[in-house]
Amino acid sequence: MPELVIKYKNQKTLDALMDFSKYFDFSVISSPRKDKKKNILINGVTLIPADNSINTSEMEAIFSNKDIDSKQLRVDAWLRNK
């Protein structure tokens, strides 16, 4: 079934859509406003939005001067043992 997202500013608009839905055979599904600061759950994995207050300087000593190839790191990290 096709879907349409309608953004409105006035509560009367929502009330009118609810009334129209009774006569024109469509459903109105109200969703909560999406807050960019909230965690997102995708396939059971929680994604936390980035935050610039995180201090990554502790990891600098681990990864500095280590001749690490990002392509090889991805290949090694995502190997699946069958």
N, C-alpha and C. Protein backbone atom coordinates (compact mmCIF):
# COMPACT_ATOMS: atom_id res chain seq x y z
N MET A 1 0.84 -1.17 0.00
CA MET A 1 0.00 0.00 0.00
C MET A 1 0.89 1.25 0.00
N PRO A 2 0.66 2.20 -0.88
CA PRO A 2 1.48 3.43 -0.91
C PRO A 2 1.30 4.24 0.37
N GLU A 3 2.34 4.97 0.70
CA GLU A 3 2.30 5.81 1.90
C GLU A 3 2.62 7.24 1.54
N LEU A 4 2.11 8.17 2.33
CA LEU A 4 2.33 9.59 2.12
C LEU A 4 2.59 10.21 3.49
N VAL A 5 3.61 11.02 3.59
CA VAL A 5 3.92 11.70 4.83
C VAL A 5 3.45 13.15 4.70
N ILE A 6 2.65 13.59 5.64
CA ILE A 6 2.14 14.95 5.64
C ILE A 6 2.62 15.63 6.92
N LYS A 7 3.27 16.76 6.77
CA LYS A 7 3.72 17.54 7.92
C LYS A 7 2.76 18.71 8.09
N TYR A 8 2.36 18.94 9.31
CA TYR A 8 1.38 20.00 9.58
C TYR A 8 1.82 20.79 10.81
N LYS A 9 1.33 22.01 10.90
CA LYS A 9 1.66 22.86 12.03
C LYS A 9 0.48 23.02 12.99
N ASN A 10 -0.73 22.86 12.46
CA ASN A 10 -1.93 23.15 13.23
C ASN A 10 -2.66 21.86 13.58
N GLN A 11 -3.14 21.74 14.80
CA GLN A 11 -3.87 20.56 15.24
C GLN A 11 -5.16 20.38 14.45
N LYS A 12 -5.74 21.48 13.95
CA LYS A 12 -6.98 21.39 13.17
C LYS A 12 -6.75 20.61 11.87
N THR A 13 -5.55 20.70 11.33
CA THR A 13 -5.23 19.96 10.12
C THR A 13 -5.30 18.46 10.38
N LEU A 14 -4.75 18.04 11.49
CA LEU A 14 -4.80 16.62 11.85
C LEU A 14 -6.25 16.18 12.08
N ASP A 15 -7.01 17.00 12.75
CA ASP A 15 -8.42 16.67 12.99
C ASP A 15 -9.18 16.51 11.67
N ALA A 16 -8.91 17.40 10.72
CA ALA A 16 -9.57 17.32 9.42
C ALA A 16 -9.16 16.05 8.68
N LEU A 17 -7.88 15.70 8.73
CA LEU A 17 -7.42 14.46 8.08
C LEU A 17 -8.06 13.23 8.71
N MET A 18 -8.22 13.25 10.01
CA MET A 18 -8.87 12.13 10.70
C MET A 18 -10.33 12.01 10.23
N ASP A 19 -11.01 13.13 10.07
CA ASP A 19 -12.40 13.10 9.59
C ASP A 19 -12.47 12.61 8.14
N PHE A 20 -11.55 13.10 7.29
CA PHE A 20 -11.53 12.66 5.89
C PHE A 20 -11.25 11.17 5.76
N SER A 21 -10.43 10.65 6.66
CA SER A 21 -10.05 9.24 6.57
C SER A 21 -11.26 8.32 6.74
N LYS A 22 -12.25 8.77 7.46
CA LYS A 22 -13.45 7.95 7.65
C LYS A 22 -14.23 7.79 6.35
N TYR A 23 -14.21 8.82 5.52
CA TYR A 23 -15.02 8.83 4.30
C TYR A 23 -14.26 8.36 3.06
N PHE A 24 -12.94 8.53 3.03
CA PHE A 24 -12.16 8.22 1.84
C PHE A 24 -11.30 6.96 1.99
N ASP A 25 -11.52 6.18 3.01
CA ASP A 25 -10.87 4.89 3.20
C ASP A 25 -9.34 4.96 3.17
N PHE A 26 -8.77 5.78 4.03
CA PHE A 26 -7.33 5.78 4.25
C PHE A 26 -7.10 5.88 5.75
N SER A 27 -5.91 5.51 6.16
CA SER A 27 -5.62 5.52 7.59
C SER A 27 -4.62 6.61 7.92
N VAL A 28 -4.77 7.16 9.09
CA VAL A 28 -3.86 8.18 9.61
C VAL A 28 -3.09 7.55 10.76
N ILE A 29 -1.80 7.48 10.59
CA ILE A 29 -0.94 6.91 11.64
C ILE A 29 -0.06 8.04 12.16
N SER A 30 -0.25 8.37 13.40
CA SER A 30 0.51 9.45 14.01
C SER A 30 1.80 8.87 14.58
N SER A 31 2.92 9.48 14.23
CA SER A 31 4.20 9.03 14.76
C SER A 31 4.80 10.14 15.61
N PRO A 32 5.53 9.77 16.64
CA PRO A 32 6.16 10.79 17.47
C PRO A 32 7.24 11.53 16.69
N ARG A 33 7.51 12.74 17.08
CA ARG A 33 8.54 13.52 16.41
C ARG A 33 9.88 12.84 16.62
N LYS A 34 10.66 12.84 15.58
CA LYS A 34 11.98 12.23 15.65
C LYS A 34 12.95 13.23 16.25
N ASP A 35 13.59 12.82 17.31
CA ASP A 35 14.58 13.66 17.96
C ASP A 35 15.95 13.16 17.56
N LYS A 36 16.80 14.03 17.09
CA LYS A 36 18.12 13.62 16.60
C LYS A 36 19.03 13.12 17.73
N LYS A 37 18.71 13.44 18.94
CA LYS A 37 19.54 13.03 20.07
C LYS A 37 19.20 11.65 20.60
N LYS A 38 18.09 11.07 20.18
CA LYS A 38 17.68 9.78 20.70
C LYS A 38 18.43 8.64 20.02
N ASN A 39 18.55 7.54 20.73
CA ASN A 39 19.17 6.35 20.16
C ASN A 39 18.23 5.72 19.14
N ILE A 40 18.80 5.11 18.13
CA ILE A 40 18.03 4.46 17.07
C ILE A 40 18.31 2.97 17.15
N LEU A 41 17.28 2.16 17.05
CA LEU A 41 17.43 0.71 17.11
C LEU A 41 17.18 0.13 15.72
N ILE A 42 18.21 -0.50 15.13
CA ILE A 42 18.11 -1.11 13.81
C ILE A 42 18.55 -2.56 13.92
N ASN A 43 17.62 -3.47 13.65
CA ASN A 43 17.89 -4.91 13.71
C ASN A 43 18.55 -5.31 15.04
N GLY A 44 18.08 -4.75 16.12
CA GLY A 44 18.59 -5.12 17.43
C GLY A 44 19.89 -4.43 17.83
N VAL A 45 20.42 -3.56 16.97
CA VAL A 45 21.66 -2.85 17.26
C VAL A 45 21.32 -1.39 17.56
N THR A 46 21.78 -0.90 18.70
CA THR A 46 21.51 0.48 19.09
C THR A 46 22.56 1.40 18.49
N LEU A 47 22.10 2.38 17.72
CA LEU A 47 22.98 3.39 17.16
C LEU A 47 22.84 4.66 17.98
N ILE A 48 23.96 5.17 18.45
CA ILE A 48 23.97 6.38 19.26
C ILE A 48 24.52 7.50 18.40
N PRO A 49 23.82 8.62 18.28
CA PRO A 49 24.32 9.73 17.46
C PRO A 49 25.69 10.21 17.94
N ALA A 50 26.48 10.68 17.01
CA ALA A 50 27.83 11.15 17.32
C ALA A 50 27.78 12.34 18.27
N ASP A 51 28.81 12.46 19.05
CA ASP A 51 28.91 13.55 20.01
C ASP A 51 30.34 14.07 19.98
N ASN A 52 30.51 15.36 19.80
CA ASN A 52 31.86 15.91 19.71
C ASN A 52 32.55 16.04 21.06
N SER A 53 31.90 15.66 22.14
CA SER A 53 32.52 15.75 23.45
C SER A 53 33.36 14.51 23.78
N ILE A 54 33.36 13.51 22.93
CA ILE A 54 34.11 12.29 23.18
C ILE A 54 35.61 12.55 22.93
N ASN A 55 36.42 12.17 23.87
CA ASN A 55 37.86 12.38 23.78
C ASN A 55 38.51 11.11 23.24
N THR A 56 39.08 11.17 22.05
CA THR A 56 39.71 10.00 21.43
C THR A 56 41.23 10.02 21.56
N SER A 57 41.76 10.91 22.35
CA SER A 57 43.22 11.03 22.46
C SER A 57 43.86 9.79 23.09
N GLU A 58 43.12 9.04 23.91
CA GLU A 58 43.66 7.83 24.52
C GLU A 58 43.97 6.76 23.47
N MET A 59 43.21 6.74 22.39
CA MET A 59 43.43 5.75 21.34
C MET A 59 44.55 6.14 20.39
N GLU A 60 45.00 7.38 20.46
CA GLU A 60 46.04 7.85 19.56
C GLU A 60 47.33 7.06 19.73
N ALA A 61 47.68 6.74 20.96
CA ALA A 61 48.91 5.98 21.21
C ALA A 61 48.81 4.56 20.66
N ILE A 62 47.63 4.00 20.66
CA ILE A 62 47.44 2.63 20.17
C ILE A 62 47.61 2.56 18.66
N PHE A 63 47.10 3.54 17.94
CA PHE A 63 47.07 3.47 16.49
C PHE A 63 48.16 4.29 15.79
N SER A 64 48.90 5.09 16.51
CA SER A 64 49.94 5.92 15.88
C SER A 64 51.14 5.07 15.48
N ASN A 65 51.72 5.40 14.33
CA ASN A 65 52.94 4.75 13.81
C ASN A 65 52.78 3.24 13.71
N LYS A 66 51.63 2.76 13.30
CA LYS A 66 51.36 1.33 13.24
C LYS A 66 51.15 0.83 11.82
N ASP A 67 51.43 1.43 10.80
CA ASP A 67 51.29 0.95 9.42
C ASP A 67 50.06 0.04 9.26
N ILE A 68 48.91 0.56 9.63
CA ILE A 68 47.65 -0.19 9.52
C ILE A 68 46.95 0.23 8.23
N ASP A 69 46.64 -0.75 7.41
CA ASP A 69 45.94 -0.50 6.16
C ASP A 69 44.44 -0.67 6.43
N SER A 70 43.65 0.38 6.17
CA SER A 70 42.22 0.32 6.49
C SER A 70 41.50 -0.75 5.67
N LYS A 71 41.90 -0.95 4.43
CA LYS A 71 41.26 -1.97 3.60
C LYS A 71 41.51 -3.36 4.17
N GLN A 72 42.74 -3.65 4.54
CA GLN A 72 43.08 -4.96 5.10
C GLN A 72 42.42 -5.14 6.47
N LEU A 73 42.33 -4.08 7.25
CA LEU A 73 41.68 -4.15 8.55
C LEU A 73 40.20 -4.52 8.39
N ARG A 74 39.51 -3.93 7.41
CA ARG A 74 38.11 -4.27 7.16
C ARG A 74 37.97 -5.73 6.74
N VAL A 75 38.86 -6.20 5.88
CA VAL A 75 38.80 -7.59 5.42
C VAL A 75 39.00 -8.55 6.59
N ASP A 76 40.00 -8.27 7.40
CA ASP A 76 40.30 -9.15 8.54
C ASP A 76 39.19 -9.10 9.60
N ALA A 77 38.66 -7.93 9.84
CA ALA A 77 37.66 -7.77 10.91
C ALA A 77 36.32 -8.40 10.53
N TRP A 78 36.01 -8.48 9.24
CA TRP A 78 34.71 -8.97 8.83
C TRP A 78 34.75 -10.38 8.29
N LEU A 79 35.82 -11.10 8.54
CA LEU A 79 35.88 -12.50 8.11
C LEU A 79 34.88 -13.32 8.91
N ARG A 80 34.20 -14.20 8.22
CA ARG A 80 33.26 -15.10 8.89
C ARG A 80 33.81 -16.50 8.84
N ASN A 81 33.94 -17.11 9.97
CA ASN A 81 34.39 -18.49 10.03
C ASN A 81 33.19 -19.41 9.91
N LYS A 82 33.24 -20.30 8.93
CA LYS A 82 32.11 -21.20 8.73
C LYS A 82 32.38 -22.56 9.33
